[in-house]
Amino acid sequence: MPERFAVYRYPIARADGERELRYTFAPYKGVGYAGSDEPSDAHPMGNEPDEAGQTRPAGHVEAPDGARIVSFEPPILEIPGRGNLALDAVIGATEGEADDLGHLVRWRPRA
């Protein structure tokens, strides 16, 4: 039976009016705001007050037995005996291909 992990998305509203969607395994606001385990009140672009919104369910990912979360944000799984897999490309949050491990997981977006 595969492991299942819920995935959440939340918006980032930038001071310049741009919006961006980010993904996380944690169901609460601003878990690693900048994607590097920084606190939600950290502003990597200086003093510009970018605002992280509330998370919403985005779907879930199915991975091989024994897979585990190694980073909530960005969402990264460890696939036993194979290494780490960043899910951004798998779930379509970034352009490009998932690396060699992408075929081992299945993204199930919320309907």
PDB file of N, CA and C in Angstrom:
ATOM      1  N   MET A   1       0.846  -1.177   0.000  1.00  0.00           N
ATOM      2  CA  MET A   1       0.000   0.000   0.000  1.00  0.00           C
ATOM      3  C   MET A   1       0.889   1.237   0.000  1.00  0.00           C
ATOM      4  N   PRO A   2       0.636   2.165  -0.890  1.00  0.00           N
ATOM      5  CA  PRO A   2       1.485   3.365  -0.937  1.00  0.00           C
ATOM      6  C   PRO A   2       1.209   4.312   0.228  1.00  0.00           C
ATOM      7  N   GLU A   3       2.208   5.132   0.521  1.00  0.00           N
ATOM      8  CA  GLU A   3       2.058   6.193   1.521  1.00  0.00           C
ATOM      9  C   GLU A   3       1.289   7.331   0.862  1.00  0.00           C
ATOM     10  N   ARG A   4       0.443   8.011   1.637  1.00  0.00           N
ATOM     11  CA  ARG A   4      -0.305   9.171   1.127  1.00  0.00           C
ATOM     12  C   ARG A   4       0.032  10.398   1.972  1.00  0.00           C
ATOM     13  N   PHE A   5       0.306  11.491   1.296  1.00  0.00           N
ATOM     14  CA  PHE A   5       0.632  12.738   1.974  1.00  0.00           C
ATOM     15  C   PHE A   5      -0.245  13.851   1.423  1.00  0.00           C
ATOM     16  N   ALA A   6      -0.947  14.554   2.320  1.00  0.00           N
ATOM     17  CA  ALA A   6      -1.766  15.692   1.907  1.00  0.00           C
ATOM     18  C   ALA A   6      -0.857  16.854   1.524  1.00  0.00           C
ATOM     19  N   VAL A   7      -1.242  17.571   0.484  1.00  0.00           N
ATOM     20  CA  VAL A   7      -0.497  18.740   0.013  1.00  0.00           C
ATOM     21  C   VAL A   7      -1.440  19.939   0.060  1.00  0.00           C
ATOM     22  N   TYR A   8      -0.911  21.066   0.519  1.00  0.00           N
ATOM     23  CA  TYR A   8      -1.691  22.299   0.662  1.00  0.00           C
ATOM     24  C   TYR A   8      -1.035  23.391  -0.168  1.00  0.00           C
ATOM     25  N   ARG A   9      -1.828  24.364  -0.586  1.00  0.00           N
ATOM     26  CA  ARG A   9      -1.289  25.520  -1.304  1.00  0.00           C
ATOM     27  C   ARG A   9      -1.718  26.795  -0.586  1.00  0.00           C
ATOM     28  N   TYR A  10      -0.911  27.833  -0.752  1.00  0.00           N
ATOM     29  CA  TYR A  10      -1.262  29.126  -0.174  1.00  0.00           C
ATOM     30  C   TYR A  10      -0.693  30.229  -1.061  1.00  0.00           C
ATOM     31  N   PRO A  11      -1.358  31.374  -1.066  1.00  0.00           N
ATOM     32  CA  PRO A  11      -0.883  32.483  -1.894  1.00  0.00           C
ATOM     33  C   PRO A  11       0.120  33.359  -1.144  1.00  0.00           C
ATOM     34  N   ILE A  12       1.002  33.956  -1.913  1.00  0.00           N
ATOM     35  CA  ILE A  12       1.898  34.991  -1.412  1.00  0.00           C
ATOM     36  C   ILE A  12       1.498  36.266  -2.155  1.00  0.00           C
ATOM     37  N   ALA A  13       1.128  37.304  -1.433  1.00  0.00           N
ATOM     38  CA  ALA A  13       0.811  38.603  -2.017  1.00  0.00           C
ATOM     39  C   ALA A  13       2.016  39.503  -1.803  1.00  0.00           C
ATOM     40  N   ARG A  14       2.612  39.937  -2.879  1.00  0.00           N
ATOM     41  CA  ARG A  14       3.802  40.777  -2.803  1.00  0.00           C
ATOM     42  C   ARG A  14       3.416  42.259  -2.760  1.00  0.00           C
ATOM     43  N   ALA A  15       4.310  43.059  -2.251  1.00  0.00           N
ATOM     44  CA  ALA A  15       4.075  44.502  -2.141  1.00  0.00           C
ATOM     45  C   ALA A  15       3.831  45.135  -3.507  1.00  0.00           C
ATOM     46  N   ASP A  16       4.400  44.544  -4.577  1.00  0.00           N
ATOM     47  CA  ASP A  16       4.229  45.108  -5.925  1.00  0.00           C
ATOM     48  C   ASP A  16       2.928  44.643  -6.595  1.00  0.00           C
ATOM     49  N   GLY A  17       2.100  43.901  -5.866  1.00  0.00           N
ATOM     50  CA  GLY A  17       0.820  43.450  -6.390  1.00  0.00           C
ATOM     51  C   GLY A  17       0.844  42.074  -7.032  1.00  0.00           C
ATOM     52  N   GLU A  18       2.022  41.523  -7.241  1.00  0.00           N
ATOM     53  CA  GLU A  18       2.134  40.182  -7.817  1.00  0.00           C
ATOM     54  C   GLU A  18       1.678  39.137  -6.811  1.00  0.00           C
ATOM     55  N   ARG A  19       1.094  38.047  -7.327  1.00  0.00           N
ATOM     56  CA  ARG A  19       0.678  36.929  -6.465  1.00  0.00           C
ATOM     57  C   ARG A  19       1.371  35.662  -6.948  1.00  0.00           C
ATOM     58  N   GLU A  20       1.639  34.788  -6.019  1.00  0.00           N
ATOM     59  CA  GLU A  20       2.326  33.539  -6.313  1.00  0.00           C
ATOM     60  C   GLU A  20       1.699  32.452  -5.453  1.00  0.00           C
ATOM     61  N   LEU A  21       1.559  31.240  -5.986  1.00  0.00           N
ATOM     62  CA  LEU A  21       1.093  30.104  -5.185  1.00  0.00           C
ATOM     63  C   LEU A  21       2.290  29.275  -4.765  1.00  0.00           C
ATOM     64  N   ARG A  22       2.298  28.882  -3.515  1.00  0.00           N
ATOM     65  CA  ARG A  22       3.333  27.988  -2.990  1.00  0.00           C
ATOM     66  C   ARG A  22       2.662  26.755  -2.411  1.00  0.00           C
ATOM     67  N   TYR A  23       3.437  25.688  -2.292  1.00  0.00           N
ATOM     68  CA  TYR A  23       2.907  24.413  -1.809  1.00  0.00           C
ATOM     69  C   TYR A  23       3.668  23.959  -0.573  1.00  0.00           C
ATOM     70  N   THR A  24       2.975  23.212   0.276  1.00  0.00           N
ATOM     71  CA  THR A  24       3.538  22.747   1.531  1.00  0.00           C
ATOM     72  C   THR A  24       2.831  21.469   1.970  1.00  0.00           C
ATOM     73  N   PHE A  25       3.467  20.728   2.865  1.00  0.00           N
ATOM     74  CA  PHE A  25       2.805  19.576   3.490  1.00  0.00           C
ATOM     75  C   PHE A  25       2.056  19.982   4.757  1.00  0.00           C
ATOM     76  N   ALA A  26       2.284  21.190   5.258  1.00  0.00           N
ATOM     77  CA  ALA A  26       1.697  21.615   6.530  1.00  0.00           C
ATOM     78  C   ALA A  26       0.391  22.378   6.309  1.00  0.00           C
ATOM     79  N   PRO A  27      -0.641  22.058   7.059  1.00  0.00           N
ATOM     80  CA  PRO A  27      -1.950  22.694   6.850  1.00  0.00           C
ATOM     81  C   PRO A  27      -2.150  23.999   7.601  1.00  0.00           C
ATOM     82  N   TYR A  28      -1.098  24.770   7.799  1.00  0.00           N
ATOM     83  CA  TYR A  28      -1.280  26.047   8.480  1.00  0.00           C
ATOM     84  C   TYR A  28      -0.422  27.122   7.842  1.00  0.00           C
ATOM     85  N   LYS A  29      -0.770  28.352   8.087  1.00  0.00           N
ATOM     86  CA  LYS A  29      -0.195  29.516   7.416  1.00  0.00           C
ATOM     87  C   LYS A  29       1.314  29.671   7.598  1.00  0.00           C
ATOM     88  N   GLY A  30       1.955  29.978   6.486  1.00  0.00           N
ATOM     89  CA  GLY A  30       3.328  30.453   6.487  1.00  0.00           C
ATOM     90  C   GLY A  30       4.367  29.549   7.079  1.00  0.00           C
ATOM     91  N   VAL A  31       4.332  28.276   6.825  1.00  0.00           N
ATOM     92  CA  VAL A  31       5.292  27.357   7.423  1.00  0.00           C
ATOM     93  C   VAL A  31       6.690  27.723   7.053  1.00  0.00           C
ATOM     94  N   GLY A  32       7.272  27.754   6.118  1.00  0.00           N
ATOM     95  CA  GLY A  32       8.637  28.181   5.850  1.00  0.00           C
ATOM     96  C   GLY A  32       8.564  29.213   4.798  1.00  0.00           C
ATOM     97  N   TYR A  33       8.001  30.349   5.104  1.00  0.00           N
ATOM     98  CA  TYR A  33       7.610  31.383   4.152  1.00  0.00           C
ATOM     99  C   TYR A  33       8.493  31.422   2.911  1.00  0.00           C
ATOM    100  N   ALA A  34       9.798  31.489   3.058  1.00  0.00           N
ATOM    101  CA  ALA A  34      10.678  31.628   1.899  1.00  0.00           C
ATOM    102  C   ALA A  34      11.103  30.287   1.332  1.00  0.00           C
ATOM    103  N   GLY A  35      10.600  29.202   1.871  1.00  0.00           N
ATOM    104  CA  GLY A  35      10.946  27.894   1.349  1.00  0.00           C
ATOM    105  C   GLY A  35      12.227  27.339   1.922  1.00  0.00           C
ATOM    106  N   SER A  36      12.784  27.990   2.903  1.00  0.00           N
ATOM    107  CA  SER A  36      14.035  27.522   3.489  1.00  0.00           C
ATOM    108  C   SER A  36      13.921  27.470   5.002  1.00  0.00           C
ATOM    109  N   ASP A  37      12.769  27.064   5.480  1.00  0.00           N
ATOM    110  CA  ASP A  37      12.504  26.949   6.905  1.00  0.00           C
ATOM    111  C   ASP A  37      12.696  28.271   7.637  1.00  0.00           C
ATOM    112  N   GLU A  38      12.437  29.389   6.947  1.00  0.00           N
ATOM    113  CA  GLU A  38      12.480  30.697   7.592  1.00  0.00           C
ATOM    114  C   GLU A  38      11.125  30.948   8.242  1.00  0.00           C
ATOM    115  N   PRO A  39      11.080  31.713   9.297  1.00  0.00           N
ATOM    116  CA  PRO A  39       9.790  32.004   9.941  1.00  0.00           C
ATOM    117  C   PRO A  39       8.888  32.824   9.024  1.00  0.00           C
ATOM    118  N   SER A  40       7.579  32.757   9.252  1.00  0.00           N
ATOM    119  CA  SER A  40       6.633  33.424   8.363  1.00  0.00           C
ATOM    120  C   SER A  40       6.789  34.935   8.344  1.00  0.00           C
ATOM    121  N   ASP A  41       7.413  35.520   9.358  1.00  0.00           N
ATOM    122  CA  ASP A  41       7.576  36.969   9.342  1.00  0.00           C
ATOM    123  C   ASP A  41       8.909  37.413   8.731  1.00  0.00           C
ATOM    124  N   ALA A  42       9.687  36.478   8.193  1.00  0.00           N
ATOM    125  CA  ALA A  42      10.944  36.833   7.538  1.00  0.00           C
ATOM    126  C   ALA A  42      10.637  37.401   6.154  1.00  0.00           C
ATOM    127  N   HIS A  43      11.361  38.431   5.772  1.00  0.00           N
ATOM    128  CA  HIS A  43      11.146  39.057   4.482  1.00  0.00           C
ATOM    129  C   HIS A  43      12.457  39.061   3.714  1.00  0.00           C
ATOM    130  N   PRO A  44      12.693  38.031   2.893  1.00  0.00           N
ATOM    131  CA  PRO A  44      13.974  37.904   2.201  1.00  0.00           C
ATOM    132  C   PRO A  44      14.234  39.016   1.186  1.00  0.00           C
ATOM    133  N   MET A  45      13.211  39.788   0.829  1.00  0.00           N
ATOM    134  CA  MET A  45      13.402  40.861  -0.148  1.00  0.00           C
ATOM    135  C   MET A  45      13.547  42.213   0.547  1.00  0.00           C
ATOM    136  N   GLY A  46      14.119  42.235   1.717  1.00  0.00           N
ATOM    137  CA  GLY A  46      14.303  43.482   2.447  1.00  0.00           C
ATOM    138  C   GLY A  46      13.130  43.760   3.356  1.00  0.00           C
ATOM    139  N   ASN A  47      12.671  44.978   3.377  1.00  0.00           N
ATOM    140  CA  ASN A  47      11.585  45.361   4.271  1.00  0.00           C
ATOM    141  C   ASN A  47      10.216  45.347   3.605  1.00  0.00           C
ATOM    142  N   GLU A  48      10.128  44.761   2.414  1.00  0.00           N
ATOM    143  CA  GLU A  48       8.844  44.705   1.733  1.00  0.00           C
ATOM    144  C   GLU A  48       7.937  43.701   2.435  1.00  0.00           C
ATOM    145  N   PRO A  49       6.745  44.109   2.799  1.00  0.00           N
ATOM    146  CA  PRO A  49       5.864  43.252   3.593  1.00  0.00           C
ATOM    147  C   PRO A  49       5.057  42.249   2.761  1.00  0.00           C
ATOM    148  N   ASP A  50       5.718  41.253   2.182  1.00  0.00           N
ATOM    149  CA  ASP A  50       4.996  40.203   1.479  1.00  0.00           C
ATOM    150  C   ASP A  50       4.129  39.467   2.487  1.00  0.00           C
ATOM    151  N   GLU A  51       2.965  39.068   2.066  1.00  0.00           N
ATOM    152  CA  GLU A  51       2.009  38.457   2.982  1.00  0.00           C
ATOM    153  C   GLU A  51       1.676  37.040   2.548  1.00  0.00           C
ATOM    154  N   ALA A  52       1.866  36.085   3.443  1.00  0.00           N
ATOM    155  CA  ALA A  52       1.490  34.700   3.186  1.00  0.00           C
ATOM    156  C   ALA A  52       0.044  34.501   3.592  1.00  0.00           C
ATOM    157  N   GLY A  53      -0.752  33.916   2.710  1.00  0.00           N
ATOM    158  CA  GLY A  53      -2.155  33.660   3.002  1.00  0.00           C
ATOM    159  C   GLY A  53      -2.363  32.315   3.676  1.00  0.00           C
ATOM    160  N   GLN A  54      -3.600  32.000   3.968  1.00  0.00           N
ATOM    161  CA  GLN A  54      -3.965  30.748   4.634  1.00  0.00           C
ATOM    162  C   GLN A  54      -3.883  29.586   3.645  1.00  0.00           C
ATOM    163  N   THR A  55      -3.482  28.428   4.134  1.00  0.00           N
ATOM    164  CA  THR A  55      -3.389  27.249   3.272  1.00  0.00           C
ATOM    165  C   THR A  55      -4.776  26.695   2.967  1.00  0.00           C
ATOM    166  N   ARG A  56      -4.854  26.036   1.818  1.00  0.00           N
ATOM    167  CA  ARG A  56      -6.064  25.337   1.377  1.00  0.00           C
ATOM    168  C   ARG A  56      -5.636  23.978   0.832  1.00  0.00           C
ATOM    169  N   PRO A  57      -6.446  22.949   0.999  1.00  0.00           N
ATOM    170  CA  PRO A  57      -6.092  21.643   0.439  1.00  0.00           C
ATOM    171  C   PRO A  57      -5.907  21.721  -1.074  1.00  0.00           C
ATOM    172  N   ALA A  58      -4.834  21.125  -1.578  1.00  0.00           N
ATOM    173  CA  ALA A  58      -4.556  21.111  -3.013  1.00  0.00           C
ATOM    174  C   ALA A  58      -4.701  19.716  -3.596  1.00  0.00           C
ATOM    175  N   GLY A  59      -4.577  18.700  -2.756  1.00  0.00           N
ATOM    176  CA  GLY A  59      -4.637  17.315  -3.206  1.00  0.00           C
ATOM    177  C   GLY A  59      -3.752  16.455  -2.329  1.00  0.00           C
ATOM    178  N   HIS A  60      -3.323  15.337  -2.876  1.00  0.00           N
ATOM    179  CA  HIS A  60      -2.391  14.495  -2.134  1.00  0.00           C
ATOM    180  C   HIS A  60      -1.456  13.799  -3.117  1.00  0.00           C
ATOM    181  N   VAL A  61      -0.372  13.316  -2.581  1.00  0.00           N
ATOM    182  CA  VAL A  61       0.602  12.589  -3.379  1.00  0.00           C
ATOM    183  C   VAL A  61       0.721  11.181  -2.802  1.00  0.00           C
ATOM    184  N   GLU A  62       0.827  10.200  -3.679  1.00  0.00           N
ATOM    185  CA  GLU A  62       1.036   8.815  -3.277  1.00  0.00           C
ATOM    186  C   GLU A  62       2.479   8.460  -3.604  1.00  0.00           C
ATOM    187  N   ALA A  63       3.151   7.863  -2.636  1.00  0.00           N
ATOM    188  CA  ALA A  63       4.560   7.527  -2.779  1.00  0.00           C
ATOM    189  C   ALA A  63       4.783   6.094  -2.306  1.00  0.00           C
ATOM    190  N   PRO A  64       5.917   5.490  -2.646  1.00  0.00           N
ATOM    191  CA  PRO A  64       6.202   4.121  -2.221  1.00  0.00           C
ATOM    192  C   PRO A  64       6.194   3.963  -0.696  1.00  0.00           C
ATOM    193  N   ASP A  65       5.915   2.755  -0.241  1.00  0.00           N
ATOM    194  CA  ASP A  65       5.950   2.450   1.189  1.00  0.00           C
ATOM    195  C   ASP A  65       7.252   2.917   1.805  1.00  0.00           C
ATOM    196  N   GLY A  66       7.155   3.490   2.997  1.00  0.00           N
ATOM    197  CA  GLY A  66       8.330   3.943   3.722  1.00  0.00           C
ATOM    198  C   GLY A  66       8.771   5.349   3.382  1.00  0.00           C
ATOM    199  N   ALA A  67       8.141   5.981   2.379  1.00  0.00           N
ATOM    200  CA  ALA A  67       8.502   7.362   2.047  1.00  0.00           C
ATOM    201  C   ALA A  67       8.196   8.243   3.253  1.00  0.00           C
ATOM    202  N   ARG A  68       8.992   9.309   3.402  1.00  0.00           N
ATOM    203  CA  ARG A  68       8.760  10.212   4.531  1.00  0.00           C
ATOM    204  C   ARG A  68       9.066  11.634   4.119  1.00  0.00           C
ATOM    205  N   ILE A  69       8.461  12.571   4.828  1.00  0.00           N
ATOM    206  CA  ILE A  69       8.675  13.992   4.585  1.00  0.00           C
ATOM    207  C   ILE A  69      10.027  14.398   5.167  1.00  0.00           C
ATOM    208  N   VAL A  70      10.847  15.057   4.350  1.00  0.00           N
ATOM    209  CA  VAL A  70      12.113  15.598   4.850  1.00  0.00           C
ATOM    210  C   VAL A  70      12.091  17.121   4.871  1.00  0.00           C
ATOM    211  N   SER A  71      11.159  17.735   4.151  1.00  0.00           N
ATOM    212  CA  SER A  71      10.985  19.187   4.181  1.00  0.00           C
ATOM    213  C   SER A  71       9.514  19.487   3.930  1.00  0.00           C
ATOM    214  N   PHE A  72       8.928  20.295   4.830  1.00  0.00           N
ATOM    215  CA  PHE A  72       7.535  20.681   4.648  1.00  0.00           C
ATOM    216  C   PHE A  72       7.404  21.692   3.521  1.00  0.00           C
ATOM    217  N   GLU A  73       8.372  22.599   3.451  1.00  0.00           N
ATOM    218  CA  GLU A  73       8.338  23.630   2.434  1.00  0.00           C
ATOM    219  C   GLU A  73       9.748  24.049   2.084  1.00  0.00           C
ATOM    220  N   PRO A  74      10.136  23.846   0.830  1.00  0.00           N
ATOM    221  CA  PRO A  74       9.347  23.246  -0.225  1.00  0.00           C
ATOM    222  C   PRO A  74       9.069  21.783   0.088  1.00  0.00           C
ATOM    223  N   PRO A  75       7.987  21.237  -0.462  1.00  0.00           N
ATOM    224  CA  PRO A  75       7.642  19.853  -0.145  1.00  0.00           C
ATOM    225  C   PRO A  75       8.641  18.865  -0.770  1.00  0.00           C
ATOM    226  N   ILE A  76       9.341  18.150   0.099  1.00  0.00           N
ATOM    227  CA  ILE A  76      10.341  17.173  -0.348  1.00  0.00           C
ATOM    228  C   ILE A  76      10.107  15.867   0.392  1.00  0.00           C
ATOM    229  N   LEU A  77      10.085  14.771  -0.360  1.00  0.00           N
ATOM    230  CA  LEU A  77       9.961  13.428   0.219  1.00  0.00           C
ATOM    231  C   LEU A  77      11.268  12.677   0.066  1.00  0.00           C
ATOM    232  N   GLU A  78      11.535  11.793   1.032  1.00  0.00           N
ATOM    233  CA  GLU A  78      12.625  10.840   0.893  1.00  0.00           C
ATOM    234  C   GLU A  78      12.000   9.529   0.444  1.00  0.00           C
ATOM    235  N   ILE A  79      12.473   9.012  -0.678  1.00  0.00           N
ATOM    236  CA  ILE A  79      12.016   7.725  -1.186  1.00  0.00           C
ATOM    237  C   ILE A  79      13.028   6.686  -0.726  1.00  0.00           C
ATOM    238  N   PRO A  80      12.618   5.707   0.076  1.00  0.00           N
ATOM    239  CA  PRO A  80      13.562   4.745   0.650  1.00  0.00           C
ATOM    240  C   PRO A  80      14.480   4.111  -0.398  1.00  0.00           C
ATOM    241  N   GLY A  81      15.773   4.208  -0.131  1.00  0.00           N
ATOM    242  CA  GLY A  81      16.769   3.603  -1.000  1.00  0.00           C
ATOM    243  C   GLY A  81      16.994   4.331  -2.313  1.00  0.00           C
ATOM    244  N   ARG A  82      16.286   5.434  -2.551  1.00  0.00           N
ATOM    245  CA  ARG A  82      16.395   6.138  -3.831  1.00  0.00           C
ATOM    246  C   ARG A  82      16.842   7.584  -3.684  1.00  0.00           C
ATOM    247  N   GLY A  83      16.581   8.218  -2.546  1.00  0.00           N
ATOM    248  CA  GLY A  83      16.974   9.610  -2.356  1.00  0.00           C
ATOM    249  C   GLY A  83      15.785  10.525  -2.159  1.00  0.00           C
ATOM    250  N   ASN A  84      16.031  11.823  -2.256  1.00  0.00           N
ATOM    251  CA  ASN A  84      15.003  12.836  -2.025  1.00  0.00           C
ATOM    252  C   ASN A  84      14.374  13.294  -3.337  1.00  0.00           C
ATOM    253  N   LEU A  85      13.102  13.645  -3.250  1.00  0.00           N
ATOM    254  CA  LEU A  85      12.351  14.111  -4.408  1.00  0.00           C
ATOM    255  C   LEU A  85      11.607  15.381  -4.041  1.00  0.00           C
ATOM    256  N   ALA A  86      11.942  16.496  -4.709  1.00  0.00           N
ATOM    257  CA  ALA A  86      11.209  17.753  -4.548  1.00  0.00           C
ATOM    258  C   ALA A  86       9.942  17.650  -5.383  1.00  0.00           C
ATOM    259  N   LEU A  87       8.805  17.925  -4.778  1.00  0.00           N
ATOM    260  CA  LEU A  87       7.526  17.707  -5.458  1.00  0.00           C
ATOM    261  C   LEU A  87       7.069  18.846  -6.350  1.00  0.00           C
ATOM    262  N   ASP A  88       7.712  20.003  -6.315  1.00  0.00           N
ATOM    263  CA  ASP A  88       7.233  21.142  -7.092  1.00  0.00           C
ATOM    264  C   ASP A  88       6.993  20.810  -8.565  1.00  0.00           C
ATOM    265  N   ALA A  89       7.925  20.140  -9.220  1.00  0.00           N
ATOM    266  CA  ALA A  89       7.733  19.784 -10.632  1.00  0.00           C
ATOM    267  C   ALA A  89       6.674  18.691 -10.790  1.00  0.00           C
ATOM    268  N   VAL A  90       6.592  17.778  -9.859  1.00  0.00           N
ATOM    269  CA  VAL A  90       5.604  16.700  -9.929  1.00  0.00           C
ATOM    270  C   VAL A  90       4.188  17.258  -9.884  1.00  0.00           C
ATOM    271  N   ILE A  91       3.954  18.244  -9.023  1.00  0.00           N
ATOM    272  CA  ILE A  91       2.601  18.789  -8.867  1.00  0.00           C
ATOM    273  C   ILE A  91       2.340  19.970  -9.796  1.00  0.00           C
ATOM    274  N   GLY A  92       3.321  20.349 -10.606  1.00  0.00           N
ATOM    275  CA  GLY A  92       3.127  21.417 -11.574  1.00  0.00           C
ATOM    276  C   GLY A  92       3.320  22.819 -11.037  1.00  0.00           C
ATOM    277  N   ALA A  93       3.969  22.948  -9.889  1.00  0.00           N
ATOM    278  CA  ALA A  93       4.195  24.266  -9.302  1.00  0.00           C
ATOM    279  C   ALA A  93       5.363  24.990  -9.978  1.00  0.00           C
ATOM    280  N   THR A  94       6.231  24.242 -10.632  1.00  0.00           N
ATOM    281  CA  THR A  94       7.353  24.831 -11.356  1.00  0.00           C
ATOM    282  C   THR A  94       7.419  24.201 -12.733  1.00  0.00           C
ATOM    283  N   GLU A  95       8.123  24.856 -13.605  1.00  0.00           N
ATOM    284  CA  GLU A  95       8.333  24.280 -14.924  1.00  0.00           C
ATOM    285  C   GLU A  95       9.427  23.241 -14.834  1.00  0.00           C
ATOM    286  N   GLY A  96       9.517  22.417 -15.846  1.00  0.00           N
ATOM    287  CA  GLY A  96      10.581  21.429 -15.878  1.00  0.00           C
ATOM    288  C   GLY A  96      10.093  20.051 -15.503  1.00  0.00           C
ATOM    289  N   GLU A  97      11.010  19.151 -15.493  1.00  0.00           N
ATOM    290  CA  GLU A  97      10.737  17.746 -15.238  1.00  0.00           C
ATOM    291  C   GLU A  97      11.083  17.388 -13.800  1.00  0.00           C
ATOM    292  N   ALA A  98      10.319  16.455 -13.257  1.00  0.00           N
ATOM    293  CA  ALA A  98      10.713  15.882 -11.977  1.00  0.00           C
ATOM    294  C   ALA A  98      11.933  15.020 -12.276  1.00  0.00           C
ATOM    295  N   ASP A  99      12.869  14.970 -11.366  1.00  0.00           N
ATOM    296  CA  ASP A  99      14.077  14.192 -11.636  1.00  0.00           C
ATOM    297  C   ASP A  99      13.758  12.705 -11.797  1.00  0.00           C
ATOM    298  N   ASP A 100      14.756  11.883 -11.749  1.00  0.00           N
ATOM    299  CA  ASP A 100      14.609  10.450 -11.994  1.00  0.00           C
ATOM    300  C   ASP A 100      13.564   9.773 -11.118  1.00  0.00           C
ATOM    301  N   LEU A 101      13.224  10.371  -9.986  1.00  0.00           N
ATOM    302  CA  LEU A 101      12.306   9.728  -9.049  1.00  0.00           C
ATOM    303  C   LEU A 101      10.843  10.109  -9.277  1.00  0.00           C
ATOM    304  N   GLY A 102      10.584  11.034 -10.166  1.00  0.00           N
ATOM    305  CA  GLY A 102       9.230  11.526 -10.378  1.00  0.00           C
ATOM    306  C   GLY A 102       8.229  10.451 -10.734  1.00  0.00           C
ATOM    307  N   HIS A 103       8.681   9.421 -11.435  1.00  0.00           N
ATOM    308  CA  HIS A 103       7.760   8.345 -11.829  1.00  0.00           C
ATOM    309  C   HIS A 103       7.323   7.473 -10.645  1.00  0.00           C
ATOM    310  N   LEU A 104       7.973   7.624  -9.500  1.00  0.00           N
ATOM    311  CA  LEU A 104       7.643   6.800  -8.329  1.00  0.00           C
ATOM    312  C   LEU A 104       6.489   7.361  -7.504  1.00  0.00           C
ATOM    313  N   VAL A 105       6.080   8.587  -7.775  1.00  0.00           N
ATOM    314  CA  VAL A 105       4.985   9.195  -7.021  1.00  0.00           C
ATOM    315  C   VAL A 105       3.844   9.556  -7.968  1.00  0.00           C
ATOM    316  N   ARG A 106       2.668   9.652  -7.405  1.00  0.00           N
ATOM    317  CA  ARG A 106       1.490  10.015  -8.185  1.00  0.00           C
ATOM    318  C   ARG A 106       0.804  11.198  -7.523  1.00  0.00           C
ATOM    319  N   TRP A 107       0.633  12.282  -8.273  1.00  0.00           N
ATOM    320  CA  TRP A 107      -0.044  13.477  -7.799  1.00  0.00           C
ATOM    321  C   TRP A 107      -1.525  13.343  -8.077  1.00  0.00           C
ATOM    322  N   ARG A 108      -2.327  13.545  -7.035  1.00  0.00           N
ATOM    323  CA  ARG A 108      -3.793  13.494  -7.129  1.00  0.00           C
ATOM    324  C   ARG A 108      -4.342  14.855  -6.720  1.00  0.00           C
ATOM    325  N   PRO A 109      -4.526  15.775  -7.704  1.00  0.00           N
ATOM    326  CA  PRO A 109      -5.051  17.079  -7.343  1.00  0.00           C
ATOM    327  C   PRO A 109      -6.466  16.979  -6.799  1.00  0.00           C
ATOM    328  N   ARG A 110      -6.810  17.914  -5.954  1.00  0.00           N
ATOM    329  CA  ARG A 110      -8.162  17.943  -5.369  1.00  0.00           C
ATOM    330  C   ARG A 110      -9.150  18.292  -6.467  1.00  0.00           C
ATOM    331  N   ALA A 111     -10.221  17.549  -6.524  1.00  0.00           N
ATOM    332  CA  ALA A 111     -11.231  17.768  -7.571  1.00  0.00           C
ATOM    333  C   ALA A 111     -12.102  18.956  -7.283  1.00  0.00           C
TER     334      ALA A 111
END
